[in-house]
Amino acid sequence: MKGIMIQGTASSVGKSLIATVLCRLFYEEGFRVAPFKAQNVTHHFYINTNGEKIAKSQAIQARAANTEPSVLMNPTSLAFGSCQSEVNVFGKPDGAFSRNSKSVYEGWITAIQSSLHQLEKQYDLLVLEGAGSPVELNLKERDVSNMKTAELADVPVLLVADIQKGGVFASIAGTLALLEPEEMERVKGIIINKFHGDKAQFQDGISLIEQISQLPVLGVLPHTVHCMKEEDDAVLLADNSQANTSNLPTDEEIDHLTQKMKRHLNWDRILEIAEQWDKQ
């Protein structure tokens, strides 16, 4: 399938917002586009008329893509507790589980594969979002959200790093160094997020990142484009309650965010990466 995946060097680097904008941009290009996040760890949900729930961030991304939110877009989610996590599969509670349960992991993979297969029939292109970092090595065997999803969907990856926190060079270099060679082959560009200051003064930094990573920097996004708040890997408004569509951002808000962010992205190159991946 055609698609592109946004992964990050850490949690809260801006993956959800960027995926939201890409959903709107691909929709504007004429694609039937859907968001996808294999697993979201959150306490903030969108609940549909059937009582099924998905992460609120995917509901917002669906609105950006001008399509209906579906449990296929977020087939599994977790709400962490002190000893166990509450599991939702296809929008319904699936009990609690031990983090070491192999059968639960296998069930997630089945749900993810089924969702991707069904979405491929309905849409032209997917905008996928990872969770946290793809190189949490102690968790990687059971990480379904990042490179495992990229492999199942067979899509290229853009890596997002938050420069506001500092250490952006090390976070990019370290993440790439810890990827397996076949995973690294999927990564096609870097996006620097939450930049403060004059981008013209950061050209040396861009050159260094491209030299270190051997990848193009496809965007330097200023911190001022973040008109929606991001918590727990979910794009949220001021109201963090469980929500229906009345609590989601309006088309005007999404358009405003999209136009602000697009000015700082190499959109033509991102579009090319998504369209041509299956030819590589």
Protein backbone atom coordinates (compact mmCIF):
# COMPACT_ATOMS: atom_id res chain seq x y z
CA MET A 1 0.00 0.00 0.00
CA LYS A 2 1.06 3.62 -0.39
CA GLY A 3 1.81 5.41 2.83
CA ILE A 4 4.31 7.12 5.06
CA MET A 5 5.10 6.67 8.74
CA ILE A 6 6.06 9.29 11.30
CA GLN A 7 8.34 7.98 14.03
CA GLY A 8 10.11 9.97 16.72
CA THR A 9 13.33 9.99 18.68
CA ALA A 10 11.20 10.09 21.86
CA SER A 11 7.68 10.60 23.14
CA SER A 12 6.05 14.02 22.71
CA VAL A 13 8.31 15.16 19.88
CA GLY A 14 5.25 16.13 17.80
CA LYS A 15 4.41 12.96 15.86
CA SER A 16 0.64 13.31 16.25
CA LEU A 17 0.51 16.90 15.04
CA ILE A 18 2.70 16.18 12.05
CA ALA A 19 0.63 13.12 11.14
CA THR A 20 -2.52 15.26 11.40
CA VAL A 21 -1.09 17.80 8.96
CA LEU A 22 0.06 15.11 6.54
CA CYS A 23 -3.44 13.59 6.55
CA ARG A 24 -4.85 16.94 5.45
CA LEU A 25 -2.10 17.55 2.87
CA PHE A 26 -2.53 14.13 1.24
CA TYR A 27 -6.30 14.64 1.22
CA GLU A 28 -5.81 17.96 -0.54
CA GLU A 29 -3.72 16.14 -3.16
CA GLY A 30 -6.76 14.00 -3.97
CA PHE A 31 -5.93 10.82 -2.06
CA ARG A 32 -8.44 8.82 -0.06
CA VAL A 33 -6.30 8.87 3.07
CA ALA A 34 -6.61 7.34 6.52
CA PRO A 35 -4.53 7.65 9.69
CA PHE A 36 -3.20 4.59 11.48
CA LYS A 37 -1.57 3.98 14.84
CA ALA A 38 -1.15 0.35 15.74
CA GLN A 39 -1.16 1.00 19.46
CA ASN A 40 -1.70 4.16 21.46
CA VAL A 41 -0.95 4.50 25.16
CA THR A 42 -3.39 7.12 26.37
CA HIS A 43 -6.27 7.99 28.66
CA HIS A 44 -7.86 10.30 26.07
CA PHE A 45 -10.34 8.62 23.77
CA TYR A 46 -12.89 9.32 21.09
CA ILE A 47 -16.02 7.22 21.55
CA ASN A 48 -18.24 6.52 18.58
CA THR A 49 -22.00 5.92 18.51
CA ASN A 50 -21.43 2.17 19.03
CA GLY A 51 -19.53 2.82 22.24
CA GLU A 52 -16.24 1.81 20.63
CA LYS A 53 -13.19 3.90 21.46
CA ILE A 54 -9.99 4.84 19.71
CA ALA A 55 -7.31 7.30 20.72
CA LYS A 56 -8.46 10.87 20.31
CA SER A 57 -5.41 11.67 18.20
CA GLN A 58 -6.51 9.23 15.50
CA ALA A 59 -10.03 10.69 15.54
CA ILE A 60 -8.54 14.14 14.93
CA GLN A 61 -6.34 12.76 12.15
CA ALA A 62 -9.42 11.15 10.56
CA ARG A 63 -11.12 14.52 10.56
CA ALA A 64 -8.02 15.99 8.90
CA ALA A 65 -8.31 13.27 6.25
CA ASN A 66 -12.03 14.05 5.82
CA THR A 67 -13.06 10.51 6.72
CA GLU A 68 -14.94 8.81 9.54
CA PRO A 69 -12.95 7.63 12.57
CA SER A 70 -12.76 3.84 12.69
CA VAL A 71 -11.44 1.29 15.15
CA LEU A 72 -9.33 0.04 12.24
CA MET A 73 -7.27 3.24 12.53
CA ASN A 74 -6.23 2.39 16.12
CA PRO A 75 -6.82 -1.33 16.60
CA THR A 76 -5.16 -1.58 20.01
CA SER A 77 -4.72 0.85 22.89
CA LEU A 78 -3.44 0.71 26.45
CA ALA A 79 -4.17 2.68 29.60
CA PHE A 80 -1.37 1.99 32.07
CA GLY A 81 -2.05 1.02 35.66
CA SER A 82 0.37 0.36 38.52
CA CYS A 83 0.78 -3.37 37.81
CA GLN A 84 -1.31 -4.08 34.75
CA SER A 85 -2.60 -2.20 31.72
CA GLU A 86 -6.16 -1.97 30.50
CA VAL A 87 -6.30 -3.24 26.94
CA ASN A 88 -8.68 -2.21 24.18
CA VAL A 89 -8.82 -4.20 20.94
CA PHE A 90 -10.97 -2.90 18.09
CA GLY A 91 -12.48 -0.32 20.43
CA LYS A 92 -13.67 -2.75 23.10
CA PRO A 93 -12.18 -3.63 26.50
CA ASP A 94 -10.10 -6.78 26.33
CA GLY A 95 -9.22 -7.09 29.99
CA ALA A 96 -5.88 -6.52 31.64
CA PHE A 97 -2.64 -8.27 30.92
CA SER A 98 0.84 -8.91 32.15
CA ARG A 99 3.41 -6.99 30.14
CA ASN A 100 5.18 -10.31 29.56
CA SER A 101 2.24 -12.08 27.95
CA LYS A 102 3.29 -13.54 24.58
CA SER A 103 -0.28 -14.41 23.61
CA VAL A 104 -1.37 -10.79 24.01
CA TYR A 105 1.42 -9.64 21.68
CA GLU A 106 0.42 -12.22 19.08
CA GLY A 107 -3.20 -11.05 19.34
CA TRP A 108 -2.09 -7.46 18.72
CA ILE A 109 -0.19 -8.48 15.59
CA THR A 110 -3.26 -10.26 14.26
CA ALA A 111 -5.44 -7.19 14.93
CA ILE A 112 -2.92 -4.87 13.26
CA GLN A 113 -2.55 -7.06 10.19
CA SER A 114 -6.33 -7.35 9.84
CA SER A 115 -6.76 -3.58 10.16
CA LEU A 116 -4.10 -2.79 7.59
CA HIS A 117 -5.60 -5.31 5.16
CA GLN A 118 -9.07 -3.76 5.47
CA LEU A 119 -7.82 -0.18 5.26
CA GLU A 120 -5.86 -1.01 2.11
CA LYS A 121 -9.14 -1.95 0.43
CA GLN A 122 -10.83 1.32 1.44
CA TYR A 123 -8.09 3.95 1.04
CA ASP A 124 -5.37 5.01 -1.39
CA LEU A 125 -2.80 5.97 1.22
CA LEU A 126 -2.12 5.68 4.96
CA VAL A 127 -0.42 8.15 7.27
CA LEU A 128 0.97 6.02 10.08
CA GLU A 129 2.19 7.21 13.45
CA GLY A 130 4.65 5.47 15.74
CA ALA A 131 4.79 5.61 19.52
CA GLY A 132 7.62 6.80 21.72
CA SER A 133 10.94 5.74 20.22
CA PRO A 134 11.57 2.84 17.83
CA VAL A 135 14.72 1.88 19.75
CA GLU A 136 13.59 1.23 23.31
CA LEU A 137 15.75 -1.88 23.29
CA ASN A 138 14.32 -3.51 26.41
CA LEU A 139 10.84 -3.33 24.86
CA LYS A 140 11.67 -3.84 21.21
CA GLU A 141 10.77 -7.53 20.96
CA ARG A 142 7.15 -6.65 21.73
CA ASP A 143 7.02 -3.16 20.20
CA VAL A 144 4.17 -3.34 17.69
CA SER A 145 3.89 0.43 17.19
CA ASN A 146 7.03 1.39 15.30
CA MET A 147 9.21 -0.61 12.93
CA LYS A 148 7.03 -3.72 13.19
CA THR A 149 4.10 -1.70 11.85
CA ALA A 150 6.31 -0.12 9.16
CA GLU A 151 7.31 -3.63 8.10
CA LEU A 152 3.72 -4.96 8.08
CA ALA A 153 2.48 -1.98 6.06
CA ASP A 154 5.71 -1.82 4.02
CA VAL A 155 6.02 1.97 4.16
CA PRO A 156 8.90 4.47 4.39
CA VAL A 157 9.60 6.35 7.63
CA LEU A 158 10.32 9.97 8.51
CA LEU A 159 12.07 10.52 11.85
CA VAL A 160 11.02 13.50 14.00
CA ALA A 161 13.28 15.07 16.63
CA ASP A 162 12.40 17.79 19.15
CA ILE A 163 15.13 20.43 19.15
CA GLN A 164 13.48 22.37 21.98
CA LYS A 165 14.63 19.76 24.51
CA GLY A 166 18.28 20.00 23.46
CA GLY A 167 20.50 17.15 22.33
CA VAL A 168 18.93 16.95 18.90
CA PHE A 169 22.12 15.76 17.16
CA ALA A 170 22.69 12.96 19.66
CA SER A 171 19.05 11.90 19.65
CA ILE A 172 19.01 11.56 15.86
CA ALA A 173 22.41 9.86 15.63
CA GLY A 174 21.65 7.53 18.53
CA THR A 175 18.25 6.50 17.20
CA LEU A 176 19.62 5.73 13.75
CA ALA A 177 22.63 3.86 15.18
CA LEU A 178 20.37 1.52 17.16
CA LEU A 179 18.13 0.59 14.23
CA GLU A 180 18.71 -2.70 12.44
CA PRO A 181 20.11 -2.28 8.88
CA GLU A 182 16.81 -3.28 7.27
CA GLU A 183 14.96 -0.79 9.50
CA MET A 184 17.40 1.97 8.63
CA GLU A 185 16.67 1.41 4.94
CA ARG A 186 13.10 2.56 5.52
CA VAL A 187 14.10 5.92 7.02
CA LYS A 188 14.01 8.50 4.23
CA GLY A 189 14.23 11.84 6.00
CA ILE A 190 14.44 13.89 9.18
CA ILE A 191 12.04 16.52 10.51
CA ILE A 192 13.27 18.93 13.18
CA ASN A 193 10.42 20.11 15.38
CA LYS A 194 9.78 22.95 17.87
CA PHE A 195 12.59 25.16 16.59
CA HIS A 196 13.13 28.54 18.29
CA GLY A 197 14.86 31.39 16.50
CA ASP A 198 15.85 32.24 12.97
CA LYS A 199 16.08 29.19 10.71
CA ALA A 200 18.66 31.01 8.58
CA GLN A 201 21.01 30.79 11.56
CA PHE A 202 20.55 27.01 11.68
CA GLN A 203 21.82 26.14 8.21
CA ASP A 204 25.07 24.78 9.64
CA GLY A 205 23.00 22.62 11.97
CA ILE A 206 20.96 21.25 9.07
CA SER A 207 24.15 20.46 7.16
CA LEU A 208 25.60 18.64 10.19
CA ILE A 209 22.45 16.58 10.68
CA GLU A 210 22.44 15.60 7.01
CA GLN A 211 26.12 14.72 7.22
CA ILE A 212 25.68 12.64 10.39
CA SER A 213 22.51 10.87 9.26
CA GLN A 214 23.14 10.68 5.50
CA LEU A 215 19.46 11.68 5.20
CA PRO A 216 17.78 14.89 4.03
CA VAL A 217 16.22 17.29 6.53
CA LEU A 218 12.69 17.66 5.14
CA GLY A 219 11.43 20.28 7.55
CA VAL A 220 12.38 22.60 10.39
CA LEU A 221 9.11 23.38 12.17
CA PRO A 222 8.98 26.41 14.47
CA HIS A 223 7.51 25.95 17.93
CA THR A 224 4.88 28.55 17.03
CA VAL A 225 3.00 26.16 14.70
CA HIS A 226 1.85 24.13 17.68
CA CYS A 227 -1.63 25.54 18.16
CA MET A 228 -2.89 22.23 19.56
CA LYS A 229 -1.52 20.62 22.69
CA GLU A 230 0.13 17.21 22.65
CA GLU A 231 0.04 14.88 25.67
CA ASP A 232 0.41 11.14 26.05
CA ASP A 233 1.06 10.87 22.31
CA ALA A 234 -2.42 12.31 21.64
CA VAL A 235 -3.37 15.60 20.02
CA LEU A 236 -5.71 17.30 22.46
CA LEU A 237 -7.71 20.46 22.83
CA ALA A 238 -8.16 22.21 26.16
CA ASP A 239 -10.95 19.76 27.00
CA ASN A 240 -9.28 16.40 27.72
CA SER A 241 -12.45 14.46 28.47
CA GLN A 242 -13.63 11.45 26.54
CA ALA A 243 -15.05 12.95 23.42
CA ASN A 244 -17.35 12.81 20.46
CA THR A 245 -16.96 14.87 17.32
CA SER A 246 -18.12 18.05 19.04
CA ASN A 247 -14.85 18.06 21.02
CA LEU A 248 -12.58 17.64 17.99
CA PRO A 249 -10.89 20.62 16.30
CA THR A 250 -12.77 22.25 13.45
CA ASP A 251 -11.78 22.06 9.80
CA GLU A 252 -10.75 25.71 10.05
CA GLU A 253 -8.37 24.95 12.93
CA ILE A 254 -6.87 22.01 11.07
CA ASP A 255 -6.51 24.08 7.88
CA HIS A 256 -4.81 26.87 9.83
CA LEU A 257 -2.33 24.43 11.38
CA THR A 258 -1.73 22.73 8.02
CA GLN A 259 -0.95 25.93 6.15
CA LYS A 260 1.39 27.16 8.88
CA MET A 261 3.27 23.87 8.99
CA LYS A 262 3.39 23.28 5.22
CA ARG A 263 5.48 26.43 4.77
CA HIS A 264 8.24 24.77 6.77
CA LEU A 265 8.10 21.32 5.14
CA ASN A 266 9.61 20.06 1.91
CA TRP A 267 6.17 18.84 0.93
CA ASP A 268 7.05 17.95 -2.66
CA ARG A 269 9.80 15.59 -1.48
CA ILE A 270 7.57 14.01 1.20
CA LEU A 271 4.87 13.43 -1.41
CA GLU A 272 7.43 11.85 -3.72
CA ILE A 273 8.69 9.50 -0.98
CA ALA A 274 5.17 8.28 -0.23
CA GLU A 275 4.22 7.81 -3.88
CA GLN A 276 7.41 6.12 -5.06
CA TRP A 277 8.26 3.79 -2.16
CA ASP A 278 6.63 0.77 -3.79
CA LYS A 279 8.88 1.31 -6.80
CA GLN A 280 12.10 1.22 -4.80
